[in-house]
Amino acid sequence: FALNIPYYTHFTSPIRRYPDVIVHRLLQATINDDVGEFPQTQGEIHSAAGHCNEKRMAAKKAQERSDRVFLSLYLKKNPIASTLGVCLSVGEKTFTVFVPKLGASIKVFLQEHDDCFNYNSFTDDGGKRHIVISPKTDAVPGMQQSESDTD
């Protein structure tokens, strides 16, 4: 085992290294029946865990924003007129779609597209949620029309 002890818990995310150390120390103190002698109080551990979780969430949001910027730049340079999308889940005002060609799973917030689309969400008699989306115009958002299209 990595710590040369018979009991070992392993977390892989680099952002979680400090929490891992604390968890390992607490586990070792528990195994040795020395929890009362642990150098940090429960409040200090709770505070440190809260701080670590805030930083982890901030890092996750930064990664998501970075991915979105990269995808936006990629699609601006390589526009896709049409591609397969697989709907993974449907909410009242959101849906999640997986686009295999891009390897991306994206949560779509319908309210962010009120200027382009009309939508109606409902639940059928079987309990399945549905969203019906229709464009407000014949133009496809983000796609430029050629002069022959307007004639």
Protein backbone atom coordinates (compact mmCIF):
# COMPACT_ATOMS: atom_id res chain seq x y z
CA PHE A 1 0.00 0.00 0.00
CA ALA A 2 1.11 3.56 -0.66
CA LEU A 3 1.33 4.53 3.02
CA ASN A 4 2.79 1.18 4.08
CA ILE A 5 -0.22 0.45 6.29
CA PRO A 6 -2.79 -2.34 5.87
CA TYR A 7 -5.77 0.07 5.69
CA TYR A 8 -5.67 2.69 2.96
CA THR A 9 -8.21 5.06 1.41
CA HIS A 10 -7.28 6.66 -1.90
CA PHE A 11 -8.77 9.72 -3.62
CA THR A 12 -7.44 10.63 -7.06
CA SER A 13 -8.28 14.31 -7.59
CA PRO A 14 -5.26 16.60 -7.06
CA ILE A 15 -7.57 19.33 -5.71
CA ARG A 16 -8.45 16.95 -2.86
CA ARG A 17 -4.90 16.24 -1.61
CA TYR A 18 -5.14 18.21 1.65
CA PRO A 19 -8.53 16.66 2.54
CA ASP A 20 -7.00 13.27 1.74
CA VAL A 21 -4.21 13.88 4.26
CA ILE A 22 -6.75 14.85 6.93
CA VAL A 23 -8.91 11.80 6.17
CA HIS A 24 -5.86 9.53 6.37
CA ARG A 25 -4.78 11.08 9.68
CA LEU A 26 -8.30 10.70 11.10
CA LEU A 27 -8.48 7.09 9.95
CA GLN A 28 -5.10 6.36 11.52
CA ALA A 29 -6.15 8.08 14.77
CA THR A 30 -9.36 6.03 14.78
CA ILE A 31 -7.48 2.78 14.18
CA ASN A 32 -5.01 3.67 16.95
CA ASP A 33 -7.87 4.80 19.24
CA ASP A 34 -6.22 8.26 19.50
CA VAL A 35 -9.05 10.46 18.14
CA GLY A 36 -9.12 12.46 21.40
CA GLU A 37 -5.50 13.46 20.82
CA PHE A 38 -6.03 14.63 17.23
CA PRO A 39 -4.29 18.04 16.77
CA GLN A 40 -7.36 19.74 15.25
CA THR A 41 -10.77 20.25 16.79
CA GLN A 42 -13.92 19.09 15.07
CA GLY A 43 -14.74 22.75 14.30
CA GLU A 44 -11.33 23.31 12.71
CA ILE A 45 -11.72 20.19 10.58
CA HIS A 46 -15.23 21.27 9.58
CA SER A 47 -13.97 24.75 8.65
CA ALA A 48 -11.05 23.33 6.62
CA ALA A 49 -13.41 20.91 4.85
CA GLY A 50 -15.77 23.77 3.96
CA HIS A 51 -12.87 25.82 2.60
CA CYS A 52 -11.59 22.87 0.55
CA ASN A 53 -15.07 22.21 -0.85
CA GLU A 54 -15.45 25.87 -1.84
CA LYS A 55 -12.11 25.76 -3.67
CA ARG A 56 -13.00 22.46 -5.35
CA MET A 57 -16.30 23.93 -6.60
CA ALA A 58 -14.53 27.08 -7.81
CA ALA A 59 -12.02 24.92 -9.71
CA LYS A 60 -14.85 22.86 -11.20
CA LYS A 61 -16.69 26.02 -12.34
CA ALA A 62 -13.48 27.43 -13.84
CA GLN A 63 -12.96 24.16 -15.75
CA GLU A 64 -16.55 24.24 -17.03
CA ARG A 65 -16.17 27.86 -18.17
CA SER A 66 -12.88 27.03 -19.87
CA ASP A 67 -14.50 24.07 -21.65
CA ARG A 68 -17.38 26.30 -22.78
CA VAL A 69 -15.01 28.96 -24.14
CA PHE A 70 -12.98 26.31 -25.99
CA LEU A 71 -16.13 24.71 -27.44
CA SER A 72 -17.46 28.14 -28.49
CA LEU A 73 -14.21 29.02 -30.24
CA TYR A 74 -14.08 25.59 -31.89
CA LEU A 75 -17.66 25.90 -33.16
CA LYS A 76 -17.06 29.45 -34.38
CA LYS A 77 -14.14 28.18 -36.47
CA ASN A 78 -15.85 24.88 -37.43
CA PRO A 79 -19.61 25.52 -37.57
CA ILE A 80 -21.92 22.51 -37.60
CA ALA A 81 -25.26 23.06 -39.35
CA SER A 82 -26.80 19.90 -37.95
CA THR A 83 -25.72 16.93 -35.85
CA LEU A 84 -27.12 14.20 -33.66
CA GLY A 85 -27.98 15.12 -30.08
CA VAL A 86 -29.21 12.61 -27.51
CA CYS A 87 -31.47 13.99 -24.80
CA LEU A 88 -30.31 12.60 -21.45
CA SER A 89 -32.76 14.33 -19.11
CA VAL A 90 -35.64 16.79 -19.16
CA GLY A 91 -36.52 19.30 -16.47
CA GLU A 92 -39.25 21.95 -16.38
CA LYS A 93 -37.08 24.64 -17.99
CA THR A 94 -33.92 22.72 -18.83
CA PHE A 95 -32.75 19.65 -20.67
CA THR A 96 -29.42 17.90 -20.94
CA VAL A 97 -28.22 16.80 -24.35
CA PHE A 98 -25.19 14.71 -25.32
CA VAL A 99 -23.63 15.52 -28.70
CA PRO A 100 -21.55 12.47 -29.71
CA LYS A 101 -19.71 14.31 -32.50
CA LEU A 102 -18.34 16.78 -29.93
CA GLY A 103 -18.14 14.37 -27.01
CA ALA A 104 -19.96 17.00 -24.98
CA SER A 105 -22.86 16.82 -22.57
CA ILE A 106 -24.54 20.19 -22.15
CA LYS A 107 -27.35 21.40 -19.90
CA VAL A 108 -29.54 23.81 -21.87
CA PHE A 109 -31.40 26.48 -19.91
CA LEU A 110 -34.42 27.40 -22.02
CA GLN A 111 -34.81 30.85 -20.46
CA GLU A 112 -31.42 31.81 -21.90
CA HIS A 113 -32.91 31.30 -25.40
CA ASP A 114 -36.24 33.13 -25.00
CA ASP A 115 -35.25 35.52 -27.80
CA CYS A 116 -34.95 32.67 -30.36
CA PHE A 117 -37.32 29.90 -29.27
CA ASN A 118 -40.80 29.27 -27.95
CA TYR A 119 -41.10 26.32 -25.60
CA ASN A 120 -43.72 24.47 -23.66
CA SER A 121 -42.96 21.86 -21.01
CA PHE A 122 -45.45 19.35 -19.65
CA THR A 123 -45.71 15.97 -17.97
CA ASP A 124 -47.76 13.29 -19.72
CA ASP A 125 -50.17 10.84 -18.06
CA GLY A 126 -47.35 8.32 -17.67
CA GLY A 127 -45.24 10.79 -15.68
CA LYS A 128 -42.74 11.50 -18.48
CA ARG A 129 -41.65 15.10 -18.88
CA HIS A 130 -41.68 16.66 -22.36
CA ILE A 131 -40.45 19.93 -23.81
CA VAL A 132 -41.69 21.16 -27.18
CA ILE A 133 -39.36 23.75 -28.71
CA SER A 134 -40.02 25.79 -31.85
CA PRO A 135 -38.04 28.64 -33.42
CA LYS A 136 -39.57 32.11 -33.32
CA THR A 137 -38.41 32.64 -36.93
CA ASP A 138 -37.33 30.42 -39.83
CA ALA A 139 -33.71 31.51 -39.34
CA VAL A 140 -31.45 29.13 -37.45
CA PRO A 141 -29.68 31.03 -34.62
CA GLY A 142 -25.95 31.37 -35.21
CA MET A 143 -26.11 30.42 -38.89
CA GLN A 144 -25.61 33.13 -41.47
CA GLN A 145 -28.03 33.26 -44.38
CA SER A 146 -26.61 33.57 -47.88
CA GLU A 147 -28.06 36.10 -50.32
CA SER A 148 -29.75 33.28 -52.28
CA ASP A 149 -31.62 32.29 -49.09
CA THR A 150 -33.18 35.75 -48.79
CA ASP A 151 -34.34 35.98 -52.43
